[in-house]
Amino acid sequence: MISVTRLNDKRFVLNAEMIRTVESNPDTTITLINGDHFIVKESMDEVIERAVDYGRSLRRLLPPS
């Protein structure tokens, strides 16, 4: 889960595993695999970094193979 901010300054948590696309045009728009769209204050790079960090944190929880 990643925390992001709507344009009205309200923060919310988004399941990073549900992200299909992140676009910057000029506002950052996140599209989920179910078709929902969210416009957020964070830059596209920030959203990507948070999603990647979230994925890395999940992989650290896996037992060694």
PDB file of N, CA and C in Angstrom:
ATOM      1  N   MET A   1       0.845  -1.170   0.000  1.00  0.00           N
ATOM      2  CA  MET A   1       0.000   0.000   0.000  1.00  0.00           C
ATOM      3  C   MET A   1       0.894   1.237   0.000  1.00  0.00           C
ATOM      4  N   ILE A   2       0.479   2.239  -0.757  1.00  0.00           N
ATOM      5  CA  ILE A   2       1.231   3.493  -0.794  1.00  0.00           C
ATOM      6  C   ILE A   2       0.292   4.638  -0.429  1.00  0.00           C
ATOM      7  N   SER A   3       0.829   5.653   0.187  1.00  0.00           N
ATOM      8  CA  SER A   3       0.070   6.821   0.574  1.00  0.00           C
ATOM      9  C   SER A   3       0.268   7.902  -0.489  1.00  0.00           C
ATOM     10  N   VAL A   4      -0.838   8.504  -0.936  1.00  0.00           N
ATOM     11  CA  VAL A   4      -0.801   9.578  -1.933  1.00  0.00           C
ATOM     12  C   VAL A   4      -1.782  10.668  -1.518  1.00  0.00           C
ATOM     13  N   THR A   5      -1.740  11.811  -2.201  1.00  0.00           N
ATOM     14  CA  THR A   5      -2.535  12.974  -1.828  1.00  0.00           C
ATOM     15  C   THR A   5      -3.402  13.435  -2.996  1.00  0.00           C
ATOM     16  N   ARG A   6      -4.698  13.540  -2.751  1.00  0.00           N
ATOM     17  CA  ARG A   6      -5.595  14.097  -3.766  1.00  0.00           C
ATOM     18  C   ARG A   6      -5.303  15.589  -3.947  1.00  0.00           C
ATOM     19  N   LEU A   7      -5.846  16.183  -4.996  1.00  0.00           N
ATOM     20  CA  LEU A   7      -5.612  17.602  -5.256  1.00  0.00           C
ATOM     21  C   LEU A   7      -6.208  18.490  -4.167  1.00  0.00           C
ATOM     22  N   ASN A   8      -7.190  17.963  -3.403  1.00  0.00           N
ATOM     23  CA  ASN A   8      -7.794  18.735  -2.310  1.00  0.00           C
ATOM     24  C   ASN A   8      -7.056  18.530  -0.982  1.00  0.00           C
ATOM     25  N   ASP A   9      -5.836  17.991  -1.050  1.00  0.00           N
ATOM     26  CA  ASP A   9      -4.943  17.766   0.096  1.00  0.00           C
ATOM     27  C   ASP A   9      -5.363  16.615   1.005  1.00  0.00           C
ATOM     28  N   LYS A  10      -6.349  15.833   0.626  1.00  0.00           N
ATOM     29  CA  LYS A  10      -6.737  14.666   1.424  1.00  0.00           C
ATOM     30  C   LYS A  10      -5.846  13.497   1.033  1.00  0.00           C
ATOM     31  N   ARG A  11      -5.235  12.874   2.057  1.00  0.00           N
ATOM     32  CA  ARG A  11      -4.344  11.735   1.817  1.00  0.00           C
ATOM     33  C   ARG A  11      -5.170  10.457   1.836  1.00  0.00           C
ATOM     34  N   PHE A  12      -4.748   9.493   1.044  1.00  0.00           N
ATOM     35  CA  PHE A  12      -5.384   8.185   1.069  1.00  0.00           C
ATOM     36  C   PHE A  12      -4.352   7.132   0.710  1.00  0.00           C
ATOM     37  N   VAL A  13      -4.713   5.887   0.983  1.00  0.00           N
ATOM     38  CA  VAL A  13      -3.809   4.769   0.750  1.00  0.00           C
ATOM     39  C   VAL A  13      -4.328   3.972  -0.429  1.00  0.00           C
ATOM     40  N   LEU A  14      -3.417   3.615  -1.307  1.00  0.00           N
ATOM     41  CA  LEU A  14      -3.742   2.936  -2.554  1.00  0.00           C
ATOM     42  C   LEU A  14      -2.978   1.624  -2.623  1.00  0.00           C
ATOM     43  N   ASN A  15      -3.640   0.582  -3.072  1.00  0.00           N
ATOM     44  CA  ASN A  15      -2.980  -0.710  -3.238  1.00  0.00           C
ATOM     45  C   ASN A  15      -2.093  -0.637  -4.476  1.00  0.00           C
ATOM     46  N   ALA A  16      -0.789  -0.606  -4.267  1.00  0.00           N
ATOM     47  CA  ALA A  16       0.157  -0.447  -5.370  1.00  0.00           C
ATOM     48  C   ALA A  16       0.113  -1.606  -6.355  1.00  0.00           C
ATOM     49  N   GLU A  17      -0.349  -2.761  -5.895  1.00  0.00           N
ATOM     50  CA  GLU A  17      -0.432  -3.919  -6.787  1.00  0.00           C
ATOM     51  C   GLU A  17      -1.569  -3.790  -7.802  1.00  0.00           C
ATOM     52  N   MET A  18      -2.457  -2.844  -7.600  1.00  0.00           N
ATOM     53  CA  MET A  18      -3.599  -2.644  -8.491  1.00  0.00           C
ATOM     54  C   MET A  18      -3.327  -1.594  -9.576  1.00  0.00           C
ATOM     55  N   ILE A  19      -2.145  -0.962  -9.549  1.00  0.00           N
ATOM     56  CA  ILE A  19      -1.842   0.107 -10.502  1.00  0.00           C
ATOM     57  C   ILE A  19      -1.589  -0.486 -11.886  1.00  0.00           C
ATOM     58  N   ARG A  20      -2.320   0.043 -12.872  1.00  0.00           N
ATOM     59  CA  ARG A  20      -2.085  -0.333 -14.271  1.00  0.00           C
ATOM     60  C   ARG A  20      -1.162   0.675 -14.924  1.00  0.00           C
ATOM     61  N   THR A  21      -1.492   1.977 -14.804  1.00  0.00           N
ATOM     62  CA  THR A  21      -0.651   3.014 -15.407  1.00  0.00           C
ATOM     63  C   THR A  21      -0.546   4.221 -14.486  1.00  0.00           C
ATOM     64  N   VAL A  22       0.543   4.968 -14.668  1.00  0.00           N
ATOM     65  CA  VAL A  22       0.735   6.266 -14.013  1.00  0.00           C
ATOM     66  C   VAL A  22       1.122   7.224 -15.121  1.00  0.00           C
ATOM     67  N   GLU A  23       0.351   8.315 -15.257  1.00  0.00           N
ATOM     68  CA  GLU A  23       0.609   9.286 -16.315  1.00  0.00           C
ATOM     69  C   GLU A  23       0.766  10.673 -15.716  1.00  0.00           C
ATOM     70  N   SER A  24       1.518  11.509 -16.401  1.00  0.00           N
ATOM     71  CA  SER A  24       1.684  12.897 -16.007  1.00  0.00           C
ATOM     72  C   SER A  24       1.242  13.767 -17.170  1.00  0.00           C
ATOM     73  N   ASN A  25       0.075  14.433 -17.005  1.00  0.00           N
ATOM     74  CA  ASN A  25      -0.469  15.175 -18.159  1.00  0.00           C
ATOM     75  C   ASN A  25      -1.340  16.362 -17.736  1.00  0.00           C
ATOM     76  N   PRO A  26      -0.968  17.450 -17.187  1.00  0.00           N
ATOM     77  CA  PRO A  26       0.210  17.669 -16.359  1.00  0.00           C
ATOM     78  C   PRO A  26       0.046  17.100 -14.950  1.00  0.00           C
ATOM     79  N   ASP A  27      -1.214  16.895 -14.490  1.00  0.00           N
ATOM     80  CA  ASP A  27      -1.404  16.278 -13.178  1.00  0.00           C
ATOM     81  C   ASP A  27      -1.110  14.785 -13.272  1.00  0.00           C
ATOM     82  N   THR A  28      -0.692  14.209 -12.174  1.00  0.00           N
ATOM     83  CA  THR A  28      -0.393  12.781 -12.147  1.00  0.00           C
ATOM     84  C   THR A  28      -1.699  12.010 -12.014  1.00  0.00           C
ATOM     85  N   THR A  29      -1.955  11.140 -12.974  1.00  0.00           N
ATOM     86  CA  THR A  29      -3.164  10.323 -12.983  1.00  0.00           C
ATOM     87  C   THR A  29      -2.768   8.864 -12.832  1.00  0.00           C
ATOM     88  N   ILE A  30      -3.354   8.216 -11.824  1.00  0.00           N
ATOM     89  CA  ILE A  30      -3.116   6.800 -11.579  1.00  0.00           C
ATOM     90  C   ILE A  30      -4.356   6.047 -12.042  1.00  0.00           C
ATOM     91  N   THR A  31      -4.161   5.050 -12.899  1.00  0.00           N
ATOM     92  CA  THR A  31      -5.255   4.200 -13.356  1.00  0.00           C
ATOM     93  C   THR A  31      -5.040   2.803 -12.786  1.00  0.00           C
ATOM     94  N   LEU A  32      -6.088   2.272 -12.168  1.00  0.00           N
ATOM     95  CA  LEU A  32      -6.015   0.938 -11.583  1.00  0.00           C
ATOM     96  C   LEU A  32      -6.490  -0.102 -12.583  1.00  0.00           C
ATOM     97  N   ILE A  33      -6.220  -1.361 -12.291  1.00  0.00           N
ATOM     98  CA  ILE A  33      -6.603  -2.427 -13.220  1.00  0.00           C
ATOM     99  C   ILE A  33      -8.118  -2.567 -13.348  1.00  0.00           C
ATOM    100  N   ASN A  34      -8.886  -2.036 -12.383  1.00  0.00           N
ATOM    101  CA  ASN A  34     -10.344  -2.095 -12.480  1.00  0.00           C
ATOM    102  C   ASN A  34     -10.929  -0.887 -13.211  1.00  0.00           C
ATOM    103  N   GLY A  35     -10.046   0.010 -13.696  1.00  0.00           N
ATOM    104  CA  GLY A  35     -10.493   1.164 -14.464  1.00  0.00           C
ATOM    105  C   GLY A  35     -10.660   2.443 -13.662  1.00  0.00           C
ATOM    106  N   ASP A  36     -10.579   2.370 -12.328  1.00  0.00           N
ATOM    107  CA  ASP A  36     -10.683   3.578 -11.510  1.00  0.00           C
ATOM    108  C   ASP A  36      -9.489   4.488 -11.784  1.00  0.00           C
ATOM    109  N   HIS A  37      -9.743   5.820 -11.737  1.00  0.00           N
ATOM    110  CA  HIS A  37      -8.696   6.820 -11.961  1.00  0.00           C
ATOM    111  C   HIS A  37      -8.580   7.689 -10.719  1.00  0.00           C
ATOM    112  N   PHE A  38      -7.363   8.052 -10.377  1.00  0.00           N
ATOM    113  CA  PHE A  38      -7.108   8.972  -9.276  1.00  0.00           C
ATOM    114  C   PHE A  38      -6.116  10.018  -9.746  1.00  0.00           C
ATOM    115  N   ILE A  39      -6.418  11.290  -9.467  1.00  0.00           N
ATOM    116  CA  ILE A  39      -5.489  12.380  -9.771  1.00  0.00           C
ATOM    117  C   ILE A  39      -4.862  12.779  -8.447  1.00  0.00           C
ATOM    118  N   VAL A  40      -3.525  12.786  -8.416  1.00  0.00           N
ATOM    119  CA  VAL A  40      -2.814  13.025  -7.160  1.00  0.00           C
ATOM    120  C   VAL A  40      -1.780  14.130  -7.319  1.00  0.00           C
ATOM    121  N   LYS A  41      -1.368  14.680  -6.178  1.00  0.00           N
ATOM    122  CA  LYS A  41      -0.385  15.763  -6.171  1.00  0.00           C
ATOM    123  C   LYS A  41       1.037  15.278  -6.417  1.00  0.00           C
ATOM    124  N   GLU A  42       1.330  14.047  -6.016  1.00  0.00           N
ATOM    125  CA  GLU A  42       2.685  13.531  -6.173  1.00  0.00           C
ATOM    126  C   GLU A  42       3.053  13.444  -7.654  1.00  0.00           C
ATOM    127  N   SER A  43       4.322  13.583  -7.925  1.00  0.00           N
ATOM    128  CA  SER A  43       4.781  13.465  -9.311  1.00  0.00           C
ATOM    129  C   SER A  43       4.727  11.998  -9.730  1.00  0.00           C
ATOM    130  N   MET A  44       4.777  11.768 -11.026  1.00  0.00           N
ATOM    131  CA  MET A  44       4.796  10.406 -11.550  1.00  0.00           C
ATOM    132  C   MET A  44       5.989   9.653 -10.972  1.00  0.00           C
ATOM    133  N   ASP A  45       7.144  10.283 -10.909  1.00  0.00           N
ATOM    134  CA  ASP A  45       8.344   9.638 -10.377  1.00  0.00           C
ATOM    135  C   ASP A  45       8.172   9.248  -8.906  1.00  0.00           C
ATOM    136  N   GLU A  46       7.505  10.117  -8.122  1.00  0.00           N
ATOM    137  CA  GLU A  46       7.279   9.799  -6.711  1.00  0.00           C
ATOM    138  C   GLU A  46       6.365   8.581  -6.561  1.00  0.00           C
ATOM    139  N   VAL A  47       5.308   8.519  -7.362  1.00  0.00           N
ATOM    140  CA  VAL A  47       4.381   7.390  -7.291  1.00  0.00           C
ATOM    141  C   VAL A  47       5.108   6.100  -7.667  1.00  0.00           C
ATOM    142  N   ILE A  48       5.902   6.160  -8.719  1.00  0.00           N
ATOM    143  CA  ILE A  48       6.653   4.982  -9.153  1.00  0.00           C
ATOM    144  C   ILE A  48       7.624   4.548  -8.061  1.00  0.00           C
ATOM    145  N   GLU A  49       8.333   5.498  -7.471  1.00  0.00           N
ATOM    146  CA  GLU A  49       9.290   5.169  -6.419  1.00  0.00           C
ATOM    147  C   GLU A  49       8.599   4.500  -5.230  1.00  0.00           C
ATOM    148  N   ARG A  50       7.441   5.029  -4.836  1.00  0.00           N
ATOM    149  CA  ARG A  50       6.703   4.439  -3.713  1.00  0.00           C
ATOM    150  C   ARG A  50       6.212   3.035  -4.048  1.00  0.00           C
ATOM    151  N   ALA A  51       5.738   2.844  -5.268  1.00  0.00           N
ATOM    152  CA  ALA A  51       5.259   1.519  -5.677  1.00  0.00           C
ATOM    153  C   ALA A  51       6.403   0.506  -5.711  1.00  0.00           C
ATOM    154  N   VAL A  52       7.553   0.927  -6.227  1.00  0.00           N
ATOM    155  CA  VAL A  52       8.721   0.042  -6.275  1.00  0.00           C
ATOM    156  C   VAL A  52       9.191  -0.285  -4.857  1.00  0.00           C
ATOM    157  N   ASP A  53       9.244   0.720  -3.982  1.00  0.00           N
ATOM    158  CA  ASP A  53       9.651   0.485  -2.596  1.00  0.00           C
ATOM    159  C   ASP A  53       8.684  -0.478  -1.906  1.00  0.00           C
ATOM    160  N   TYR A  54       7.391  -0.339  -2.188  1.00  0.00           N
ATOM    161  CA  TYR A  54       6.397  -1.240  -1.621  1.00  0.00           C
ATOM    162  C   TYR A  54       6.659  -2.675  -2.084  1.00  0.00           C
ATOM    163  N   GLY A  55       6.908  -2.861  -3.372  1.00  0.00           N
ATOM    164  CA  GLY A  55       7.204  -4.189  -3.900  1.00  0.00           C
ATOM    165  C   GLY A  55       8.450  -4.780  -3.277  1.00  0.00           C
ATOM    166  N   ARG A  56       9.464  -3.955  -3.084  1.00  0.00           N
ATOM    167  CA  ARG A  56      10.694  -4.426  -2.448  1.00  0.00           C
ATOM    168  C   ARG A  56      10.444  -4.845  -1.004  1.00  0.00           C
ATOM    169  N   SER A  57       9.604  -4.087  -0.302  1.00  0.00           N
ATOM    170  CA  SER A  57       9.321  -4.431   1.098  1.00  0.00           C
ATOM    171  C   SER A  57       8.582  -5.771   1.170  1.00  0.00           C
ATOM    172  N   LEU A  58       7.729  -6.059   0.205  1.00  0.00           N
ATOM    173  CA  LEU A  58       7.040  -7.352   0.184  1.00  0.00           C
ATOM    174  C   LEU A  58       8.017  -8.489  -0.064  1.00  0.00           C
ATOM    175  N   ARG A  59       8.944  -8.297  -0.963  1.00  0.00           N
ATOM    176  CA  ARG A  59       9.912  -9.348  -1.271  1.00  0.00           C
ATOM    177  C   ARG A  59      10.820  -9.648  -0.079  1.00  0.00           C
ATOM    178  N   ARG A  60      11.075  -8.648   0.766  1.00  0.00           N
ATOM    179  CA  ARG A  60      11.887  -8.884   1.974  1.00  0.00           C
ATOM    180  C   ARG A  60      11.165  -9.803   2.950  1.00  0.00           C
ATOM    181  N   LEU A  61       9.837  -9.883   2.862  1.00  0.00           N
ATOM    182  CA  LEU A  61       9.065 -10.713   3.775  1.00  0.00           C
ATOM    183  C   LEU A  61       9.077 -12.193   3.369  1.00  0.00           C
ATOM    184  N   LEU A  62       9.473 -12.470   2.128  1.00  0.00           N
ATOM    185  CA  LEU A  62       9.494 -13.852   1.652  1.00  0.00           C
ATOM    186  C   LEU A  62      10.644 -14.620   2.284  1.00  0.00           C
ATOM    187  N   PRO A  63      10.411 -15.887   2.638  1.00  0.00           N
ATOM    188  CA  PRO A  63      11.521 -16.676   3.152  1.00  0.00           C
ATOM    189  C   PRO A  63      12.520 -16.973   2.042  1.00  0.00           C
ATOM    190  N   PRO A  64      13.795 -17.136   2.366  1.00  0.00           N
ATOM    191  CA  PRO A  64      14.791 -17.421   1.333  1.00  0.00           C
ATOM    192  C   PRO A  64      14.460 -18.728   0.610  1.00  0.00           C
ATOM    193  N   SER A  65      14.710 -18.767  -0.678  1.00  0.00           N
ATOM    194  CA  SER A  65      14.405 -19.992  -1.442  1.00  0.00           C
ATOM    195  C   SER A  65      15.642 -20.830  -1.659  1.00  0.00           C
TER     196      SER A  65
END
